[in-house]
PDB file of all heavy atoms in Angstrom:
ATOM      1  N   ASN A   1      12.324  -3.560  -0.017  1.00  0.00           N
ATOM      2  CA  ASN A   1      11.589  -3.845  -1.236  1.00  0.00           C
ATOM      3  C   ASN A   1      10.514  -4.879  -0.950  1.00  0.00           C
ATOM      4  O   ASN A   1      10.815  -6.041  -0.704  1.00  0.00           O
ATOM      5  CB  ASN A   1      12.553  -4.360  -2.312  1.00  0.00           C
ATOM      6  CG  ASN A   1      11.841  -4.553  -3.652  1.00  0.00           C
ATOM      7  OD1 ASN A   1      10.707  -4.120  -3.809  1.00  0.00           O
ATOM      8  ND2 ASN A   1      12.514  -5.186  -4.594  1.00  0.00           N
ATOM      9  N   PRO A   2       9.207  -4.483  -0.998  1.00  0.00           N
ATOM     10  CA  PRO A   2       8.150  -5.435  -0.667  1.00  0.00           C
ATOM     11  C   PRO A   2       7.932  -6.496  -1.732  1.00  0.00           C
ATOM     12  O   PRO A   2       7.233  -7.453  -1.510  1.00  0.00           O
ATOM     13  CB  PRO A   2       6.915  -4.536  -0.500  1.00  0.00           C
ATOM     14  CG  PRO A   2       7.192  -3.381  -1.382  1.00  0.00           C
ATOM     15  CD  PRO A   2       8.677  -3.162  -1.321  1.00  0.00           C
ATOM     16  N   ARG A   3       8.485  -6.321  -2.925  1.00  0.00           N
ATOM     17  CA  ARG A   3       8.262  -7.257  -4.021  1.00  0.00           C
ATOM     18  C   ARG A   3       9.460  -8.209  -4.224  1.00  0.00           C
ATOM     19  O   ARG A   3       9.558  -8.882  -5.225  1.00  0.00           O
ATOM     20  CB  ARG A   3       7.994  -6.489  -5.328  1.00  0.00           C
ATOM     21  CG  ARG A   3       6.765  -5.615  -5.234  1.00  0.00           C
ATOM     22  CD  ARG A   3       6.419  -5.034  -6.590  1.00  0.00           C
ATOM     23  NE  ARG A   3       5.236  -4.205  -6.507  1.00  0.00           N
ATOM     24  CZ  ARG A   3       4.003  -4.664  -6.530  1.00  0.00           C
ATOM     25  NH1 ARG A   3       3.794  -5.949  -6.630  1.00  0.00           N
ATOM     26  NH2 ARG A   3       2.975  -3.841  -6.461  1.00  0.00           N
ATOM     27  N   GLU A   4      10.379  -8.230  -3.279  1.00  0.00           N
ATOM     28  CA  GLU A   4      11.546  -9.105  -3.416  1.00  0.00           C
ATOM     29  C   GLU A   4      11.118 -10.574  -3.328  1.00  0.00           C
ATOM     30  O   GLU A   4      10.245 -10.946  -2.545  1.00  0.00           O
ATOM     31  CB  GLU A   4      12.547  -8.785  -2.305  1.00  0.00           C
ATOM     32  CG  GLU A   4      13.810  -9.640  -2.428  1.00  0.00           C
ATOM     33  CD  GLU A   4      14.582  -9.634  -1.127  1.00  0.00           C
ATOM     34  OE1 GLU A   4      14.053  -9.094  -0.144  1.00  0.00           O
ATOM     35  OE2 GLU A   4      15.674 -10.191  -1.110  1.00  0.00           O
ATOM     36  N   TYR A   5      11.739 -11.382  -4.099  1.00  0.00           N
ATOM     37  CA  TYR A   5      11.473 -12.815  -4.060  1.00  0.00           C
ATOM     38  C   TYR A   5      11.926 -13.387  -2.717  1.00  0.00           C
ATOM     39  O   TYR A   5      13.050 -13.144  -2.282  1.00  0.00           O
ATOM     40  CB  TYR A   5      12.211 -13.509  -5.207  1.00  0.00           C
ATOM     41  CG  TYR A   5      12.034 -14.997  -5.209  1.00  0.00           C
ATOM     42  CD1 TYR A   5      10.812 -15.560  -5.544  1.00  0.00           C
ATOM     43  CD2 TYR A   5      13.082 -15.835  -4.854  1.00  0.00           C
ATOM     44  CE1 TYR A   5      10.644 -16.934  -5.541  1.00  0.00           C
ATOM     45  CE2 TYR A   5      12.927 -17.205  -4.847  1.00  0.00           C
ATOM     46  CZ  TYR A   5      11.707 -17.762  -5.193  1.00  0.00           C
ATOM     47  OH  TYR A   5      11.540 -19.113  -5.185  1.00  0.00           O
ATOM     48  N   THR A   6      11.056 -14.123  -2.049  1.00  0.00           N
ATOM     49  CA  THR A   6      11.343 -14.591  -0.694  1.00  0.00           C
ATOM     50  C   THR A   6      11.459 -16.111  -0.654  1.00  0.00           C
ATOM     51  O   THR A   6      10.859 -16.789   0.169  1.00  0.00           O
ATOM     52  CB  THR A   6      10.240 -14.142   0.264  1.00  0.00           C
ATOM     53  OG1 THR A   6       8.979 -14.626  -0.233  1.00  0.00           O
ATOM     54  CG2 THR A   6      10.221 -12.644   0.409  1.00  0.00           C
ATOM     55  N   GLY A   7      12.197 -16.666  -1.599  1.00  0.00           N
ATOM     56  CA  GLY A   7      12.468 -18.105  -1.542  1.00  0.00           C
ATOM     57  C   GLY A   7      11.236 -18.960  -1.715  1.00  0.00           C
ATOM     58  O   GLY A   7      11.098 -20.004  -1.082  1.00  0.00           O
ATOM     59  N   GLY A   8      10.283 -18.507  -2.554  1.00  0.00           N
ATOM     60  CA  GLY A   8       9.092 -19.302  -2.826  1.00  0.00           C
ATOM     61  C   GLY A   8       7.933 -19.021  -1.896  1.00  0.00           C
ATOM     62  O   GLY A   8       6.867 -19.592  -2.055  1.00  0.00           O
ATOM     63  N   ASN A   9       8.092 -18.160  -0.895  1.00  0.00           N
ATOM     64  CA  ASN A   9       7.008 -17.848   0.037  1.00  0.00           C
ATOM     65  C   ASN A   9       6.149 -16.736  -0.556  1.00  0.00           C
ATOM     66  O   ASN A   9       6.210 -15.592  -0.162  1.00  0.00           O
ATOM     67  CB  ASN A   9       7.589 -17.416   1.378  1.00  0.00           C
ATOM     68  CG  ASN A   9       6.528 -17.366   2.457  1.00  0.00           C
ATOM     69  OD1 ASN A   9       5.350 -17.560   2.185  1.00  0.00           O
ATOM     70  ND2 ASN A   9       6.957 -17.112   3.681  1.00  0.00           N
ATOM     71  N   HIS A  10       5.329 -17.092  -1.567  1.00  0.00           N
ATOM     72  CA  HIS A  10       4.543 -16.090  -2.289  1.00  0.00           C
ATOM     73  C   HIS A  10       3.444 -15.502  -1.422  1.00  0.00           C
ATOM     74  O   HIS A  10       3.071 -14.337  -1.585  1.00  0.00           O
ATOM     75  CB  HIS A  10       3.937 -16.724  -3.547  1.00  0.00           C
ATOM     76  CG  HIS A  10       4.972 -17.235  -4.490  1.00  0.00           C
ATOM     77  ND1 HIS A  10       5.777 -16.404  -5.243  1.00  0.00           N
ATOM     78  CD2 HIS A  10       5.355 -18.503  -4.798  1.00  0.00           C
ATOM     79  CE1 HIS A  10       6.600 -17.131  -5.989  1.00  0.00           C
ATOM     80  NE2 HIS A  10       6.360 -18.410  -5.737  1.00  0.00           N
ATOM     81  N   ASP A  11       2.852 -16.271  -0.512  1.00  0.00           N
ATOM     82  CA  ASP A  11       1.785 -15.754   0.344  1.00  0.00           C
ATOM     83  C   ASP A  11       2.296 -14.619   1.215  1.00  0.00           C
ATOM     84  O   ASP A  11       1.621 -13.600   1.395  1.00  0.00           O
ATOM     85  CB  ASP A  11       1.230 -16.874   1.224  1.00  0.00           C
ATOM     86  CG  ASP A  11       0.536 -17.944   0.400  1.00  0.00           C
ATOM     87  OD1 ASP A  11       0.092 -17.597  -0.723  1.00  0.00           O
ATOM     88  OD2 ASP A  11       0.448 -19.087   0.870  1.00  0.00           O
ATOM     89  N   LYS A  12       3.476 -14.779   1.755  1.00  0.00           N
ATOM     90  CA  LYS A  12       4.039 -13.722   2.588  1.00  0.00           C
ATOM     91  C   LYS A  12       4.297 -12.476   1.764  1.00  0.00           C
ATOM     92  O   LYS A  12       4.068 -11.351   2.206  1.00  0.00           O
ATOM     93  CB  LYS A  12       5.341 -14.214   3.229  1.00  0.00           C
ATOM     94  CG  LYS A  12       5.966 -13.189   4.159  1.00  0.00           C
ATOM     95  CD  LYS A  12       7.223 -13.744   4.817  1.00  0.00           C
ATOM     96  CE  LYS A  12       7.830 -12.701   5.746  1.00  0.00           C
ATOM     97  NZ  LYS A  12       9.067 -13.201   6.392  1.00  0.00           N
ATOM     98  N   THR A  13       4.763 -12.670   0.520  1.00  0.00           N
ATOM     99  CA  THR A  13       5.023 -11.521  -0.343  1.00  0.00           C
ATOM    100  C   THR A  13       3.733 -10.777  -0.638  1.00  0.00           C
ATOM    101  O   THR A  13       3.681  -9.548  -0.607  1.00  0.00           O
ATOM    102  CB  THR A  13       5.677 -11.992  -1.657  1.00  0.00           C
ATOM    103  OG1 THR A  13       6.872 -12.696  -1.343  1.00  0.00           O
ATOM    104  CG2 THR A  13       6.003 -10.802  -2.542  1.00  0.00           C
ATOM    105  N   ARG A  14       2.645 -11.516  -0.961  1.00  0.00           N
ATOM    106  CA  ARG A  14       1.374 -10.862  -1.256  1.00  0.00           C
ATOM    107  C   ARG A  14       0.832 -10.129  -0.039  1.00  0.00           C
ATOM    108  O   ARG A  14       0.251  -9.053  -0.152  1.00  0.00           O
ATOM    109  CB  ARG A  14       0.364 -11.903  -1.757  1.00  0.00           C
ATOM    110  CG  ARG A  14       0.599 -12.332  -3.192  1.00  0.00           C
ATOM    111  CD  ARG A  14      -0.603 -13.073  -3.722  1.00  0.00           C
ATOM    112  NE  ARG A  14      -0.779 -14.348  -3.048  1.00  0.00           N
ATOM    113  CZ  ARG A  14      -0.269 -15.492  -3.480  1.00  0.00           C
ATOM    114  NH1 ARG A  14       0.455 -15.517  -4.577  1.00  0.00           N
ATOM    115  NH2 ARG A  14      -0.490 -16.623  -2.824  1.00  0.00           N
ATOM    116  N   ALA A  15       1.006 -10.709   1.153  1.00  0.00           N
ATOM    117  CA  ALA A  15       0.540 -10.042   2.370  1.00  0.00           C
ATOM    118  C   ALA A  15       1.305  -8.744   2.599  1.00  0.00           C
ATOM    119  O   ALA A  15       0.731  -7.714   2.948  1.00  0.00           O
ATOM    120  CB  ALA A  15       0.705 -10.972   3.571  1.00  0.00           C
ATOM    121  N   GLU A  16       2.624  -8.799   2.389  1.00  0.00           N
ATOM    122  CA  GLU A  16       3.408  -7.581   2.551  1.00  0.00           C
ATOM    123  C   GLU A  16       3.017  -6.541   1.512  1.00  0.00           C
ATOM    124  O   GLU A  16       2.971  -5.347   1.797  1.00  0.00           O
ATOM    125  CB  GLU A  16       4.897  -7.920   2.440  1.00  0.00           C
ATOM    126  CG  GLU A  16       5.426  -8.746   3.610  1.00  0.00           C
ATOM    127  CD  GLU A  16       6.882  -9.112   3.421  1.00  0.00           C
ATOM    128  OE1 GLU A  16       7.404  -8.851   2.319  1.00  0.00           O
ATOM    129  OE2 GLU A  16       7.484  -9.654   4.366  1.00  0.00           O
ATOM    130  N   ASP A  17       2.733  -6.993   0.279  1.00  0.00           N
ATOM    131  CA  ASP A  17       2.288  -6.069  -0.757  1.00  0.00           C
ATOM    132  C   ASP A  17       0.985  -5.390  -0.360  1.00  0.00           C
ATOM    133  O   ASP A  17       0.803  -4.190  -0.559  1.00  0.00           O
ATOM    134  CB  ASP A  17       2.090  -6.814  -2.089  1.00  0.00           C
ATOM    135  CG  ASP A  17       3.431  -7.125  -2.743  1.00  0.00           C
ATOM    136  OD1 ASP A  17       4.443  -6.594  -2.265  1.00  0.00           O
ATOM    137  OD2 ASP A  17       3.446  -7.900  -3.711  1.00  0.00           O
ATOM    138  N   GLY A  18       0.039  -6.180   0.198  1.00  0.00           N
ATOM    139  CA  GLY A  18      -1.241  -5.603   0.604  1.00  0.00           C
ATOM    140  C   GLY A  18      -1.085  -4.552   1.684  1.00  0.00           C
ATOM    141  O   GLY A  18      -1.710  -3.502   1.642  1.00  0.00           O
ATOM    142  N   GLU A  19      -0.237  -4.849   2.668  1.00  0.00           N
ATOM    143  CA  GLU A  19       0.005  -3.867   3.722  1.00  0.00           C
ATOM    144  C   GLU A  19       0.664  -2.615   3.168  1.00  0.00           C
ATOM    145  O   GLU A  19       0.331  -1.500   3.564  1.00  0.00           O
ATOM    146  CB  GLU A  19       0.891  -4.500   4.802  1.00  0.00           C
ATOM    147  CG  GLU A  19       0.221  -5.647   5.548  1.00  0.00           C
ATOM    148  CD  GLU A  19       1.167  -6.283   6.544  1.00  0.00           C
ATOM    149  OE1 GLU A  19       2.328  -5.827   6.621  1.00  0.00           O
ATOM    150  OE2 GLU A  19       0.739  -7.227   7.241  1.00  0.00           O
ATOM    151  N   PHE A  20       1.588  -2.803   2.226  1.00  0.00           N
ATOM    152  CA  PHE A  20       2.281  -1.666   1.633  1.00  0.00           C
ATOM    153  C   PHE A  20       1.307  -0.779   0.860  1.00  0.00           C
ATOM    154  O   PHE A  20       1.332   0.446   0.958  1.00  0.00           O
ATOM    155  CB  PHE A  20       3.392  -2.185   0.716  1.00  0.00           C
ATOM    156  CG  PHE A  20       4.213  -1.098   0.068  1.00  0.00           C
ATOM    157  CD1 PHE A  20       5.085  -0.336   0.827  1.00  0.00           C
ATOM    158  CD2 PHE A  20       4.110  -0.848  -1.286  1.00  0.00           C
ATOM    159  CE1 PHE A  20       5.845   0.653   0.243  1.00  0.00           C
ATOM    160  CE2 PHE A  20       4.856   0.139  -1.878  1.00  0.00           C
ATOM    161  CZ  PHE A  20       5.738   0.895  -1.108  1.00  0.00           C
ATOM    162  N   VAL A  21       0.397  -1.405   0.079  1.00  0.00           N
ATOM    163  CA  VAL A  21      -0.596  -0.638  -0.693  1.00  0.00           C
ATOM    164  C   VAL A  21      -1.557   0.094   0.236  1.00  0.00           C
ATOM    165  O   VAL A  21      -1.941   1.237  -0.010  1.00  0.00           O
ATOM    166  CB  VAL A  21      -1.357  -1.573  -1.650  1.00  0.00           C
ATOM    167  CG1 VAL A  21      -2.535  -0.843  -2.293  1.00  0.00           C
ATOM    168  CG2 VAL A  21      -0.426  -2.107  -2.727  1.00  0.00           C
ATOM    169  N   GLN A  22      -1.960  -0.555   1.342  1.00  0.00           N
ATOM    170  CA  GLN A  22      -2.877   0.081   2.281  1.00  0.00           C
ATOM    171  C   GLN A  22      -2.238   1.304   2.917  1.00  0.00           C
ATOM    172  O   GLN A  22      -2.894   2.336   3.115  1.00  0.00           O
ATOM    173  CB  GLN A  22      -3.292  -0.913   3.364  1.00  0.00           C
ATOM    174  CG  GLN A  22      -4.338  -0.370   4.333  1.00  0.00           C
ATOM    175  CD  GLN A  22      -5.623   0.005   3.627  1.00  0.00           C
ATOM    176  OE1 GLN A  22      -6.069  -0.714   2.731  1.00  0.00           O
ATOM    177  NE2 GLN A  22      -6.212   1.127   4.005  1.00  0.00           N
ATOM    178  N   VAL A  23      -0.953   1.204   3.242  1.00  0.00           N
ATOM    179  CA  VAL A  23      -0.254   2.362   3.797  1.00  0.00           C
ATOM    180  C   VAL A  23      -0.241   3.511   2.802  1.00  0.00           C
ATOM    181  O   VAL A  23      -0.457   4.671   3.154  1.00  0.00           O
ATOM    182  CB  VAL A  23       1.189   1.969   4.204  1.00  0.00           C
ATOM    183  CG1 VAL A  23       2.008   3.210   4.535  1.00  0.00           C
ATOM    184  CG2 VAL A  23       1.157   1.029   5.389  1.00  0.00           C
ATOM    185  N   LEU A  24      -0.013   3.192   1.523  1.00  0.00           N
ATOM    186  CA  LEU A  24      -0.026   4.237   0.499  1.00  0.00           C
ATOM    187  C   LEU A  24      -1.402   4.870   0.370  1.00  0.00           C
ATOM    188  O   LEU A  24      -1.530   6.081   0.208  1.00  0.00           O
ATOM    189  CB  LEU A  24       0.405   3.645  -0.847  1.00  0.00           C
ATOM    190  CG  LEU A  24       1.883   3.252  -0.987  1.00  0.00           C
ATOM    191  CD1 LEU A  24       2.147   2.670  -2.368  1.00  0.00           C
ATOM    192  CD2 LEU A  24       2.784   4.452  -0.744  1.00  0.00           C
ATOM    193  N   ARG A  25      -2.467   4.068   0.449  1.00  0.00           N
ATOM    194  CA  ARG A  25      -3.829   4.605   0.334  1.00  0.00           C
ATOM    195  C   ARG A  25      -4.149   5.517   1.505  1.00  0.00           C
ATOM    196  O   ARG A  25      -4.729   6.597   1.324  1.00  0.00           O
ATOM    197  CB  ARG A  25      -4.836   3.457   0.266  1.00  0.00           C
ATOM    198  CG  ARG A  25      -4.821   2.713  -1.055  1.00  0.00           C
ATOM    199  CD  ARG A  25      -5.789   1.534  -1.024  1.00  0.00           C
ATOM    200  NE  ARG A  25      -5.816   0.841  -2.304  1.00  0.00           N
ATOM    201  CZ  ARG A  25      -6.491  -0.290  -2.515  1.00  0.00           C
ATOM    202  NH1 ARG A  25      -7.183  -0.852  -1.536  1.00  0.00           N
ATOM    203  NH2 ARG A  25      -6.465  -0.872  -3.712  1.00  0.00           N
ATOM    204  N   ASP A  26      -3.786   5.099   2.714  1.00  0.00           N
ATOM    205  CA  ASP A  26      -4.038   5.938   3.888  1.00  0.00           C
ATOM    206  C   ASP A  26      -3.287   7.259   3.780  1.00  0.00           C
ATOM    207  O   ASP A  26      -3.824   8.316   4.103  1.00  0.00           O
ATOM    208  CB  ASP A  26      -3.611   5.199   5.162  1.00  0.00           C
ATOM    209  CG  ASP A  26      -4.477   3.970   5.429  1.00  0.00           C
ATOM    210  OD1 ASP A  26      -5.583   3.907   4.851  1.00  0.00           O
ATOM    211  OD2 ASP A  26      -4.033   3.097   6.185  1.00  0.00           O
ATOM    212  N   ALA A  27      -2.036   7.191   3.324  1.00  0.00           N
ATOM    213  CA  ALA A  27      -1.263   8.417   3.165  1.00  0.00           C
ATOM    214  C   ALA A  27      -1.866   9.299   2.092  1.00  0.00           C
ATOM    215  O   ALA A  27      -1.889  10.528   2.215  1.00  0.00           O
ATOM    216  CB  ALA A  27       0.182   8.075   2.822  1.00  0.00           C
ATOM    217  N   ASP A  28      -2.414   8.691   1.021  1.00  0.00           N
ATOM    218  CA  ASP A  28      -3.017   9.476  -0.049  1.00  0.00           C
ATOM    219  C   ASP A  28      -4.263  10.203   0.430  1.00  0.00           C
ATOM    220  O   ASP A  28      -4.511  11.357   0.067  1.00  0.00           O
ATOM    221  CB  ASP A  28      -3.368   8.562  -1.223  1.00  0.00           C
ATOM    222  CG  ASP A  28      -4.015   9.313  -2.373  1.00  0.00           C
ATOM    223  OD1 ASP A  28      -3.343  10.166  -2.967  1.00  0.00           O
ATOM    224  OD2 ASP A  28      -5.199   9.052  -2.663  1.00  0.00           O
ATOM    225  N   LEU A  29      -5.093   9.531   1.279  1.00  0.00           N
ATOM    226  CA  LEU A  29      -6.300  10.172   1.791  1.00  0.00           C
ATOM    227  C   LEU A  29      -5.963  11.345   2.707  1.00  0.00           C
ATOM    228  O   LEU A  29      -6.636  12.376   2.698  1.00  0.00           O
ATOM    229  CB  LEU A  29      -7.159   9.143   2.536  1.00  0.00           C
ATOM    230  CG  LEU A  29      -7.863   8.098   1.666  1.00  0.00           C
ATOM    231  CD1 LEU A  29      -8.596   7.101   2.546  1.00  0.00           C
ATOM    232  CD2 LEU A  29      -8.811   8.747   0.682  1.00  0.00           C
ATOM    233  N   LYS A  30      -4.890  11.192   3.516  1.00  0.00           N
ATOM    234  CA  LYS A  30      -4.508  12.267   4.415  1.00  0.00           C
ATOM    235  C   LYS A  30      -3.958  13.465   3.653  1.00  0.00           C
ATOM    236  O   LYS A  30      -4.161  14.608   4.052  1.00  0.00           O
ATOM    237  CB  LYS A  30      -3.467  11.764   5.418  1.00  0.00           C
ATOM    238  CG  LYS A  30      -4.021  10.751   6.424  1.00  0.00           C
ATOM    239  CD  LYS A  30      -2.938  10.303   7.387  1.00  0.00           C
ATOM    240  CE  LYS A  30      -3.499   9.284   8.388  1.00  0.00           C
ATOM    241  NZ  LYS A  30      -2.450   8.816   9.328  1.00  0.00           N
ATOM    242  N   CYS A  31      -3.252  13.188   2.568  1.00  0.00           N
ATOM    243  CA  CYS A  31      -2.622  14.268   1.804  1.00  0.00           C
ATOM    244  C   CYS A  31      -3.488  14.749   0.649  1.00  0.00           C
ATOM    245  O   CYS A  31      -3.083  15.639  -0.085  1.00  0.00           O
ATOM    246  CB  CYS A  31      -1.275  13.796   1.258  1.00  0.00           C
ATOM    247  SG  CYS A  31      -0.102  13.294   2.540  1.00  0.00           S
ATOM    248  N   LYS A  32      -4.665  14.148   0.453  1.00  0.00           N
ATOM    249  CA  LYS A  32      -5.514  14.480  -0.678  1.00  0.00           C
ATOM    250  C   LYS A  32      -5.984  15.923  -0.605  1.00  0.00           C
ATOM    251  O   LYS A  32      -6.419  16.400   0.441  1.00  0.00           O
ATOM    252  CB  LYS A  32      -6.729  13.546  -0.721  1.00  0.00           C
ATOM    253  CG  LYS A  32      -7.601  13.729  -1.948  1.00  0.00           C
ATOM    254  CD  LYS A  32      -8.745  12.736  -1.913  1.00  0.00           C
ATOM    255  CE  LYS A  32      -9.621  12.872  -3.155  1.00  0.00           C
ATOM    256  NZ  LYS A  32      -8.886  12.530  -4.369  1.00  0.00           N
ATOM    257  N   VAL A  33      -5.905  16.599  -1.730  1.00  0.00           N
ATOM    258  CA  VAL A  33      -6.363  17.986  -1.800  1.00  0.00           C
ATOM    259  C   VAL A  33      -7.861  17.991  -2.099  1.00  0.00           C
ATOM    260  O   VAL A  33      -8.303  17.458  -3.124  1.00  0.00           O
ATOM    261  CB  VAL A  33      -5.595  18.760  -2.888  1.00  0.00           C
ATOM    262  CG1 VAL A  33      -6.129  20.177  -2.998  1.00  0.00           C
ATOM    263  CG2 VAL A  33      -4.108  18.777  -2.573  1.00  0.00           C
ATOM    264  N   ARG A  34      -8.643  18.550  -1.204  1.00  0.00           N
ATOM    265  CA  ARG A  34     -10.090  18.601  -1.374  1.00  0.00           C
ATOM    266  C   ARG A  34     -10.525  20.015  -1.728  1.00  0.00           C
ATOM    267  O   ARG A  34      -9.932  20.989  -1.272  1.00  0.00           O
ATOM    268  CB  ARG A  34     -10.798  18.162  -0.085  1.00  0.00           C
ATOM    269  CG  ARG A  34     -10.618  16.701   0.265  1.00  0.00           C
ATOM    270  CD  ARG A  34     -11.315  16.379   1.573  1.00  0.00           C
ATOM    271  NE  ARG A  34     -11.330  14.966   1.872  1.00  0.00           N
ATOM    272  CZ  ARG A  34     -10.336  14.313   2.461  1.00  0.00           C
ATOM    273  NH1 ARG A  34      -9.252  14.985   2.832  1.00  0.00           N
ATOM    274  NH2 ARG A  34     -10.415  13.022   2.695  1.00  0.00           N
ATOM    275  N   TYR A  35     -11.596  20.098  -2.530  1.00  0.00           N
ATOM    276  CA  TYR A  35     -12.185  21.396  -2.838  1.00  0.00           C
ATOM    277  C   TYR A  35     -13.073  21.823  -1.672  1.00  0.00           C
ATOM    278  O   TYR A  35     -13.626  20.985  -0.961  1.00  0.00           O
ATOM    279  CB  TYR A  35     -12.992  21.319  -4.128  1.00  0.00           C
ATOM    280  CG  TYR A  35     -12.140  21.105  -5.357  1.00  0.00           C
ATOM    281  CD1 TYR A  35     -11.932  19.821  -5.854  1.00  0.00           C
ATOM    282  CD2 TYR A  35     -11.533  22.169  -6.004  1.00  0.00           C
ATOM    283  CE1 TYR A  35     -11.141  19.612  -6.979  1.00  0.00           C
ATOM    284  CE2 TYR A  35     -10.744  21.969  -7.127  1.00  0.00           C
ATOM    285  CZ  TYR A  35     -10.552  20.692  -7.606  1.00  0.00           C
ATOM    286  OH  TYR A  35      -9.757  20.489  -8.706  1.00  0.00           O
ATOM    287  N   PRO A  36     -13.246  23.123  -1.467  1.00  0.00           N
ATOM    288  CA  PRO A  36     -14.026  23.570  -0.303  1.00  0.00           C
ATOM    289  C   PRO A  36     -15.486  23.147  -0.326  1.00  0.00           C
ATOM    290  O   PRO A  36     -16.025  22.739   0.699  1.00  0.00           O
ATOM    291  CB  PRO A  36     -13.888  25.100  -0.356  1.00  0.00           C
ATOM    292  CG  PRO A  36     -12.633  25.348  -1.128  1.00  0.00           C
ATOM    293  CD  PRO A  36     -12.565  24.242  -2.138  1.00  0.00           C
ATOM    294  N   LEU A  37     -16.158  23.214  -1.492  1.00  0.00           N
ATOM    295  CA  LEU A  37     -17.620  23.081  -1.468  1.00  0.00           C
ATOM    296  C   LEU A  37     -18.138  22.351  -2.699  1.00  0.00           C
ATOM    297  O   LEU A  37     -17.726  22.628  -3.832  1.00  0.00           O
ATOM    298  CB  LEU A  37     -18.262  24.475  -1.398  1.00  0.00           C
ATOM    299  CG  LEU A  37     -19.789  24.536  -1.341  1.00  0.00           C
ATOM    300  CD1 LEU A  37     -20.313  23.891  -0.066  1.00  0.00           C
ATOM    301  CD2 LEU A  37     -20.263  25.983  -1.428  1.00  0.00           C
ATOM    302  N   HIS A  38     -19.069  21.423  -2.454  1.00  0.00           N
ATOM    303  CA  HIS A  38     -19.850  20.782  -3.513  1.00  0.00           C
ATOM    304  C   HIS A  38     -21.304  21.197  -3.338  1.00  0.00           C
ATOM    305  O   HIS A  38     -21.846  21.144  -2.228  1.00  0.00           O
ATOM    306  CB  HIS A  38     -19.728  19.255  -3.440  1.00  0.00           C
ATOM    307  CG  HIS A  38     -20.521  18.540  -4.494  1.00  0.00           C
ATOM    308  ND1 HIS A  38     -21.885  18.337  -4.396  1.00  0.00           N
ATOM    309  CD2 HIS A  38     -20.145  17.998  -5.683  1.00  0.00           C
ATOM    310  CE1 HIS A  38     -22.306  17.694  -5.472  1.00  0.00           C
ATOM    311  NE2 HIS A  38     -21.276  17.473  -6.261  1.00  0.00           N
TER     312      HIS A  38
END
């Protein structure tokens, strides 16, 4: 759980959250369904 309370270390939690969100974005771009032609 990236949002677990870590004994007051909020900076570490935010950094882990950022990495977690970036992984989700990269996975979304790879799995994104694109239309053939614009």
